[in-house]
Amino acid sequence: QVQLVESGGGLVQAGGSLRLSCAASRRIFSISAMGWYRQVPGKQRELVARITSGSSTNYADSVKCRFTISSDTATNTVYLHMNSLNPEATAVYYCNVESRVGVTRTYWGQGTQVTVSS
């Protein structure tokens, strides 16, 4: 079974930076996209950033110009560089990987907590 393992979360002061990392325990073939989502209790999980196999990126409006997503497809690793963090960024961040072999399959990490203090 493929497992996505996130790391890099924690407590940071407002204005600080964090880098999240996500790696697959087993090679995933035909990756079409990798990304990061976040969720606050009681609210829907939302897209933070996504990068396709063609290197196209999408960001939530709230994180544009502050967060940067990057990936290394060869190692099935995706990163999220978070700068100028504010308390609104506090959430559980989930790694996501999509693969397409005839049909699309989606993999999710267990999540890593990011807490930004003011």
N, C-alpha and C. Protein backbone atom coordinates (compact mmCIF):
# COMPACT_ATOMS: atom_id res chain seq x y z
N GLN A 1 0.84 -1.18 0.00
CA GLN A 1 0.00 0.00 0.00
C GLN A 1 0.88 1.24 0.00
N VAL A 2 0.51 2.22 -0.79
CA VAL A 2 1.24 3.47 -0.87
C VAL A 2 0.85 4.35 0.30
N GLN A 3 1.84 4.91 0.96
CA GLN A 3 1.61 5.83 2.05
C GLN A 3 2.36 7.13 1.79
N LEU A 4 1.67 8.24 1.97
CA LEU A 4 2.28 9.55 1.85
C LEU A 4 2.59 10.05 3.25
N VAL A 5 3.83 10.45 3.46
CA VAL A 5 4.28 10.88 4.77
C VAL A 5 4.68 12.34 4.71
N GLU A 6 3.96 13.18 5.46
CA GLU A 6 4.26 14.60 5.52
C GLU A 6 5.20 14.90 6.68
N SER A 7 5.96 15.95 6.53
CA SER A 7 6.83 16.40 7.60
C SER A 7 7.05 17.90 7.45
N GLY A 8 7.53 18.52 8.50
CA GLY A 8 7.86 19.93 8.45
C GLY A 8 6.87 20.85 9.14
N GLY A 9 5.75 20.31 9.59
CA GLY A 9 4.79 21.12 10.29
C GLY A 9 5.27 21.46 11.69
N GLY A 10 4.54 22.34 12.33
CA GLY A 10 4.89 22.73 13.68
C GLY A 10 4.35 24.09 14.04
N LEU A 11 4.91 24.65 15.09
CA LEU A 11 4.50 25.96 15.58
C LEU A 11 5.49 27.01 15.11
N VAL A 12 4.97 28.08 14.55
CA VAL A 12 5.82 29.15 14.06
C VAL A 12 5.17 30.49 14.37
N GLN A 13 5.98 31.49 14.59
CA GLN A 13 5.47 32.83 14.84
C GLN A 13 5.03 33.49 13.54
N ALA A 14 4.07 34.38 13.66
CA ALA A 14 3.62 35.13 12.48
C ALA A 14 4.81 35.81 11.82
N GLY A 15 4.83 35.73 10.51
CA GLY A 15 5.92 36.30 9.75
C GLY A 15 7.03 35.31 9.47
N GLY A 16 6.98 34.17 10.12
CA GLY A 16 8.00 33.16 9.93
C GLY A 16 7.73 32.29 8.72
N SER A 17 8.58 31.29 8.57
CA SER A 17 8.50 30.40 7.41
C SER A 17 8.58 28.94 7.83
N LEU A 18 8.00 28.11 7.01
CA LEU A 18 8.08 26.67 7.18
C LEU A 18 8.18 26.02 5.81
N ARG A 19 8.76 24.85 5.77
CA ARG A 19 8.77 24.07 4.56
C ARG A 19 8.20 22.70 4.84
N LEU A 20 7.11 22.39 4.18
CA LEU A 20 6.51 21.08 4.30
C LEU A 20 7.05 20.15 3.23
N SER A 21 7.17 18.91 3.58
CA SER A 21 7.67 17.91 2.66
C SER A 21 6.76 16.70 2.70
N CYS A 22 6.59 16.07 1.57
CA CYS A 22 5.76 14.87 1.49
C CYS A 22 6.43 13.88 0.55
N ALA A 23 6.60 12.67 1.02
CA ALA A 23 7.23 11.63 0.23
C ALA A 23 6.40 10.36 0.27
N ALA A 24 6.37 9.67 -0.84
CA ALA A 24 5.63 8.41 -0.93
C ALA A 24 6.49 7.25 -0.45
N SER A 25 5.87 6.35 0.28
CA SER A 25 6.58 5.19 0.78
C SER A 25 6.91 4.20 -0.32
N ARG A 26 6.18 4.28 -1.39
CA ARG A 26 6.38 3.41 -2.53
C ARG A 26 6.23 4.24 -3.80
N ARG A 27 6.97 3.86 -4.81
CA ARG A 27 6.92 4.59 -6.07
C ARG A 27 5.51 4.61 -6.63
N ILE A 28 5.06 5.77 -7.03
CA ILE A 28 3.76 5.93 -7.67
C ILE A 28 3.99 6.19 -9.15
N PHE A 29 3.37 5.38 -9.96
CA PHE A 29 3.54 5.52 -11.39
C PHE A 29 2.50 6.45 -12.00
N SER A 30 2.89 7.07 -13.08
CA SER A 30 2.01 7.93 -13.86
C SER A 30 1.38 9.03 -13.02
N ILE A 31 2.20 9.73 -12.27
CA ILE A 31 1.71 10.85 -11.47
C ILE A 31 1.28 11.98 -12.41
N SER A 32 0.08 12.47 -12.21
CA SER A 32 -0.43 13.57 -13.01
C SER A 32 -0.37 14.90 -12.27
N ALA A 33 -0.43 14.84 -10.95
CA ALA A 33 -0.37 16.06 -10.17
C ALA A 33 -0.05 15.75 -8.71
N MET A 34 0.53 16.72 -8.04
CA MET A 34 0.79 16.63 -6.62
C MET A 34 0.42 17.97 -6.00
N GLY A 35 -0.05 17.92 -4.78
CA GLY A 35 -0.46 19.18 -4.19
C GLY A 35 -0.61 19.12 -2.69
N TRP A 36 -1.01 20.26 -2.16
CA TRP A 36 -1.24 20.42 -0.74
C TRP A 36 -2.63 21.00 -0.51
N TYR A 37 -3.31 20.44 0.44
CA TYR A 37 -4.61 20.92 0.86
C TYR A 37 -4.55 21.17 2.36
N ARG A 38 -5.48 21.95 2.86
CA ARG A 38 -5.52 22.18 4.29
C ARG A 38 -6.96 22.19 4.77
N GLN A 39 -7.10 21.91 6.06
CA GLN A 39 -8.44 21.84 6.62
C GLN A 39 -8.44 22.33 8.06
N VAL A 40 -9.44 23.11 8.37
CA VAL A 40 -9.69 23.58 9.72
C VAL A 40 -10.91 22.83 10.23
N PRO A 41 -10.93 22.41 11.48
CA PRO A 41 -12.10 21.69 12.00
C PRO A 41 -13.41 22.41 11.73
N GLY A 42 -14.38 21.68 11.21
CA GLY A 42 -15.67 22.25 10.92
C GLY A 42 -15.79 22.88 9.55
N LYS A 43 -14.70 22.90 8.80
CA LYS A 43 -14.73 23.49 7.48
C LYS A 43 -14.25 22.49 6.43
N GLN A 44 -14.56 22.81 5.19
CA GLN A 44 -14.19 21.94 4.08
C GLN A 44 -12.69 22.01 3.82
N ARG A 45 -12.16 20.90 3.38
CA ARG A 45 -10.76 20.88 2.97
C ARG A 45 -10.61 21.72 1.71
N GLU A 46 -9.58 22.53 1.67
CA GLU A 46 -9.40 23.43 0.55
C GLU A 46 -8.02 23.27 -0.08
N LEU A 47 -7.98 23.56 -1.35
CA LEU A 47 -6.72 23.52 -2.08
C LEU A 47 -5.82 24.67 -1.66
N VAL A 48 -4.57 24.35 -1.41
CA VAL A 48 -3.57 25.37 -1.11
C VAL A 48 -2.71 25.60 -2.34
N ALA A 49 -2.15 24.54 -2.86
CA ALA A 49 -1.30 24.63 -4.03
C ALA A 49 -1.26 23.28 -4.73
N ARG A 50 -1.09 23.31 -6.02
CA ARG A 50 -1.07 22.10 -6.82
C ARG A 50 -0.12 22.28 -7.98
N ILE A 51 0.60 21.22 -8.30
CA ILE A 51 1.51 21.25 -9.43
C ILE A 51 1.30 20.01 -10.26
N THR A 52 1.20 20.18 -11.56
CA THR A 52 0.97 19.06 -12.46
C THR A 52 2.29 18.49 -12.95
N SER A 53 2.19 17.36 -13.63
CA SER A 53 3.38 16.74 -14.18
C SER A 53 4.02 17.62 -15.25
N GLY A 54 3.24 18.54 -15.81
CA GLY A 54 3.76 19.48 -16.78
C GLY A 54 4.27 20.76 -16.16
N SER A 55 4.34 20.79 -14.83
CA SER A 55 4.87 21.91 -14.05
C SER A 55 3.95 23.12 -14.00
N SER A 56 2.69 22.94 -14.37
CA SER A 56 1.73 24.02 -14.18
C SER A 56 1.35 24.07 -12.71
N THR A 57 1.15 25.26 -12.19
CA THR A 57 0.83 25.41 -10.77
C THR A 57 -0.45 26.19 -10.57
N ASN A 58 -1.11 25.91 -9.47
CA ASN A 58 -2.29 26.63 -9.04
C ASN A 58 -2.16 26.90 -7.55
N TYR A 59 -2.55 28.09 -7.15
CA TYR A 59 -2.49 28.47 -5.75
C TYR A 59 -3.81 29.06 -5.31
N ALA A 60 -4.14 28.84 -4.06
CA ALA A 60 -5.27 29.55 -3.48
C ALA A 60 -4.94 31.03 -3.45
N ASP A 61 -5.94 31.86 -3.68
CA ASP A 61 -5.70 33.30 -3.69
C ASP A 61 -5.06 33.80 -2.39
N SER A 62 -5.41 33.17 -1.29
CA SER A 62 -4.93 33.61 0.00
C SER A 62 -3.44 33.36 0.22
N VAL A 63 -2.83 32.51 -0.60
CA VAL A 63 -1.42 32.17 -0.39
C VAL A 63 -0.53 32.58 -1.55
N LYS A 64 -1.11 33.14 -2.58
CA LYS A 64 -0.32 33.56 -3.73
C LYS A 64 0.76 34.55 -3.31
N CYS A 65 1.92 34.38 -3.88
CA CYS A 65 3.08 35.24 -3.65
C CYS A 65 3.77 34.97 -2.32
N ARG A 66 3.22 34.08 -1.52
CA ARG A 66 3.84 33.75 -0.24
C ARG A 66 4.22 32.28 -0.14
N PHE A 67 3.45 31.43 -0.79
CA PHE A 67 3.72 30.00 -0.79
C PHE A 67 4.25 29.58 -2.15
N THR A 68 5.13 28.60 -2.15
CA THR A 68 5.66 28.07 -3.39
C THR A 68 5.66 26.55 -3.33
N ILE A 69 5.07 25.94 -4.33
CA ILE A 69 5.07 24.49 -4.40
C ILE A 69 6.12 24.03 -5.40
N SER A 70 6.78 22.95 -5.07
CA SER A 70 7.75 22.36 -5.96
C SER A 70 7.69 20.85 -5.81
N SER A 71 8.24 20.15 -6.77
CA SER A 71 8.15 18.70 -6.73
C SER A 71 9.37 18.05 -7.37
N ASP A 72 9.57 16.82 -7.00
CA ASP A 72 10.60 15.99 -7.60
C ASP A 72 9.90 14.68 -7.95
N THR A 73 9.45 14.59 -9.18
CA THR A 73 8.69 13.42 -9.59
C THR A 73 9.50 12.14 -9.49
N ALA A 74 10.80 12.24 -9.73
CA ALA A 74 11.66 11.06 -9.68
C ALA A 74 11.64 10.40 -8.31
N THR A 75 11.47 11.20 -7.27
CA THR A 75 11.45 10.67 -5.91
C THR A 75 10.06 10.72 -5.28
N ASN A 76 9.07 11.07 -6.09
CA ASN A 76 7.69 11.17 -5.59
C ASN A 76 7.61 12.06 -4.35
N THR A 77 8.24 13.21 -4.46
CA THR A 77 8.29 14.14 -3.34
C THR A 77 7.72 15.49 -3.75
N VAL A 78 6.95 16.09 -2.88
CA VAL A 78 6.40 17.41 -3.12
C VAL A 78 6.68 18.28 -1.90
N TYR A 79 7.00 19.54 -2.15
CA TYR A 79 7.34 20.48 -1.10
C TYR A 79 6.41 21.68 -1.14
N LEU A 80 6.24 22.28 0.00
CA LEU A 80 5.50 23.53 0.08
C LEU A 80 6.31 24.49 0.94
N HIS A 81 6.85 25.51 0.30
CA HIS A 81 7.59 26.55 1.00
C HIS A 81 6.60 27.64 1.40
N MET A 82 6.49 27.88 2.68
CA MET A 82 5.53 28.84 3.19
C MET A 82 6.28 29.99 3.84
N ASN A 83 6.07 31.17 3.30
CA ASN A 83 6.72 32.37 3.81
C ASN A 83 5.67 33.36 4.31
N SER A 84 6.11 34.28 5.13
CA SER A 84 5.23 35.33 5.67
C SER A 84 3.95 34.74 6.24
N LEU A 85 4.10 33.75 7.06
CA LEU A 85 2.95 33.05 7.62
C LEU A 85 2.14 33.95 8.56
N ASN A 86 0.84 33.78 8.51
CA ASN A 86 -0.06 34.50 9.39
C ASN A 86 -0.98 33.49 10.07
N PRO A 87 -1.68 33.91 11.12
CA PRO A 87 -2.54 32.96 11.86
C PRO A 87 -3.60 32.29 11.00
N GLU A 88 -4.01 32.92 9.92
CA GLU A 88 -5.02 32.32 9.04
C GLU A 88 -4.51 31.06 8.36
N ALA A 89 -3.21 30.86 8.37
CA ALA A 89 -2.64 29.67 7.77
C ALA A 89 -2.69 28.46 8.70
N THR A 90 -3.11 28.66 9.92
CA THR A 90 -3.20 27.56 10.88
C THR A 90 -4.21 26.53 10.41
N ALA A 91 -3.77 25.30 10.25
CA ALA A 91 -4.62 24.23 9.74
C ALA A 91 -3.82 22.94 9.72
N VAL A 92 -4.51 21.86 9.42
CA VAL A 92 -3.83 20.61 9.13
C VAL A 92 -3.61 20.56 7.63
N TYR A 93 -2.39 20.36 7.23
CA TYR A 93 -2.04 20.34 5.82
C TYR A 93 -1.88 18.90 5.35
N TYR A 94 -2.53 18.60 4.24
CA TYR A 94 -2.52 17.25 3.70
C TYR A 94 -1.85 17.21 2.34
N CYS A 95 -1.00 16.26 2.18
CA CYS A 95 -0.37 16.01 0.89
C CYS A 95 -1.31 15.20 0.01
N ASN A 96 -1.30 15.50 -1.26
CA ASN A 96 -2.14 14.80 -2.22
C ASN A 96 -1.37 14.46 -3.48
N VAL A 97 -1.56 13.26 -3.95
CA VAL A 97 -0.94 12.83 -5.20
C VAL A 97 -2.00 12.17 -6.07
N GLU A 98 -2.02 12.55 -7.33
CA GLU A 98 -2.92 11.96 -8.30
C GLU A 98 -2.13 11.21 -9.35
N SER A 99 -2.58 10.02 -9.65
CA SER A 99 -1.97 9.24 -10.71
C SER A 99 -3.06 8.83 -11.68
N ARG A 100 -2.66 8.63 -12.91
CA ARG A 100 -3.64 8.28 -13.92
C ARG A 100 -3.13 7.12 -14.78
N VAL A 101 -3.69 5.97 -14.55
CA VAL A 101 -3.40 4.79 -15.35
C VAL A 101 -4.74 4.26 -15.82
N GLY A 102 -5.27 4.89 -16.84
CA GLY A 102 -6.60 4.56 -17.30
C GLY A 102 -7.65 5.36 -16.54
N VAL A 103 -7.60 5.27 -15.22
CA VAL A 103 -8.47 6.05 -14.36
C VAL A 103 -7.61 6.79 -13.35
N THR A 104 -8.17 7.83 -12.78
CA THR A 104 -7.44 8.62 -11.81
C THR A 104 -7.52 8.00 -10.42
N ARG A 105 -6.38 7.92 -9.77
CA ARG A 105 -6.32 7.46 -8.39
C ARG A 105 -5.76 8.59 -7.54
N THR A 106 -6.28 8.71 -6.35
CA THR A 106 -5.88 9.78 -5.45
C THR A 106 -5.33 9.21 -4.16
N TYR A 107 -4.21 9.76 -3.73
CA TYR A 107 -3.57 9.35 -2.48
C TYR A 107 -3.50 10.54 -1.55
N TRP A 108 -3.71 10.30 -0.28
CA TRP A 108 -3.68 11.35 0.73
C TRP A 108 -2.74 11.00 1.87
N GLY A 109 -2.05 12.00 2.35
CA GLY A 109 -1.25 11.83 3.54
C GLY A 109 -2.13 11.94 4.78
N GLN A 110 -1.56 11.68 5.93
CA GLN A 110 -2.32 11.73 7.17
C GLN A 110 -2.45 13.14 7.72
N GLY A 111 -1.68 14.05 7.19
CA GLY A 111 -1.76 15.44 7.59
C GLY A 111 -0.68 15.83 8.58
N THR A 112 -0.29 17.08 8.51
CA THR A 112 0.67 17.64 9.45
C THR A 112 0.15 18.99 9.93
N GLN A 113 0.19 19.20 11.22
CA GLN A 113 -0.36 20.41 11.81
C GLN A 113 0.60 21.59 11.64
N VAL A 114 0.04 22.69 11.18
CA VAL A 114 0.77 23.95 11.11
C VAL A 114 0.02 24.95 11.98
N THR A 115 0.70 25.51 12.94
CA THR A 115 0.09 26.50 13.82
C THR A 115 0.93 27.77 13.80
N VAL A 116 0.28 28.87 13.48
CA VAL A 116 0.95 30.16 13.41
C VAL A 116 0.45 31.02 14.55
N SER A 117 1.34 31.42 15.41
CA SER A 117 0.98 32.25 16.55
C SER A 117 1.17 33.71 16.22
N SER A 118 0.37 34.55 16.84
CA SER A 118 0.48 35.99 16.62
C SER A 118 1.35 36.66 17.66
